[in-house]
């Protein structure tokens, strides 16, 4: 399988980071 373009990898990394941050923020706000 060929490597994905750098901008596609960067976009998925940013999306994963934002999803993780919002998940952590939701968990912290419930405490």
C-alpha atoms as a PDB file:
ATOM      1  CA  UNK A   1       0.000   0.000   0.000  1.00  0.00           C
ATOM      2  CA  UNK A   2       1.521   3.351  -1.002  1.00  0.00           C
ATOM      3  CA  UNK A   3       2.141   5.975   1.625  1.00  0.00           C
ATOM      4  CA  UNK A   4      -0.589   8.543   2.085  1.00  0.00           C
ATOM      5  CA  UNK A   5       0.191  12.159   1.170  1.00  0.00           C
ATOM      6  CA  UNK A   6       1.654  14.191   4.012  1.00  0.00           C
ATOM      7  CA  UNK A   7      -1.289  16.586   4.137  1.00  0.00           C
ATOM      8  CA  UNK A   8      -3.706  13.663   4.503  1.00  0.00           C
ATOM      9  CA  UNK A   9      -1.675  12.248   7.390  1.00  0.00           C
ATOM     10  CA  UNK A  10      -1.433  15.678   9.023  1.00  0.00           C
ATOM     11  CA  UNK A  11      -5.195  16.204   8.672  1.00  0.00           C
ATOM     12  CA  UNK A  12      -5.970  12.859  10.317  1.00  0.00           C
ATOM     13  CA  UNK A  13      -3.486  13.583  13.107  1.00  0.00           C
ATOM     14  CA  UNK A  14      -5.077  16.994  13.771  1.00  0.00           C
ATOM     15  CA  UNK A  15      -8.564  15.447  13.693  1.00  0.00           C
ATOM     16  CA  UNK A  16      -7.518  12.733  16.143  1.00  0.00           C
ATOM     17  CA  UNK A  17      -5.915  15.336  18.424  1.00  0.00           C
ATOM     18  CA  UNK A  18      -9.037  17.521  18.393  1.00  0.00           C
ATOM     19  CA  UNK A  19     -11.263  14.515  19.089  1.00  0.00           C
ATOM     20  CA  UNK A  20      -9.049  13.456  22.004  1.00  0.00           C
ATOM     21  CA  UNK A  21      -8.964  16.994  23.431  1.00  0.00           C
ATOM     22  CA  UNK A  22     -12.759  17.357  23.250  1.00  0.00           C
ATOM     23  CA  UNK A  23     -13.174  13.905  24.825  1.00  0.00           C
ATOM     24  CA  UNK A  24     -10.843  14.826  27.699  1.00  0.00           C
ATOM     25  CA  UNK A  25     -12.579  18.189  28.130  1.00  0.00           C
ATOM     26  CA  UNK A  26     -15.954  16.437  28.341  1.00  0.00           C
ATOM     27  CA  UNK A  27     -14.605  13.993  30.929  1.00  0.00           C
ATOM     28  CA  UNK A  28     -13.057  16.783  33.017  1.00  0.00           C
ATOM     29  CA  UNK A  29     -16.208  18.912  32.916  1.00  0.00           C
ATOM     30  CA  UNK A  30     -18.262  16.037  34.359  1.00  0.00           C
ATOM     31  CA  UNK A  31     -16.015  15.769  37.435  1.00  0.00           C
END
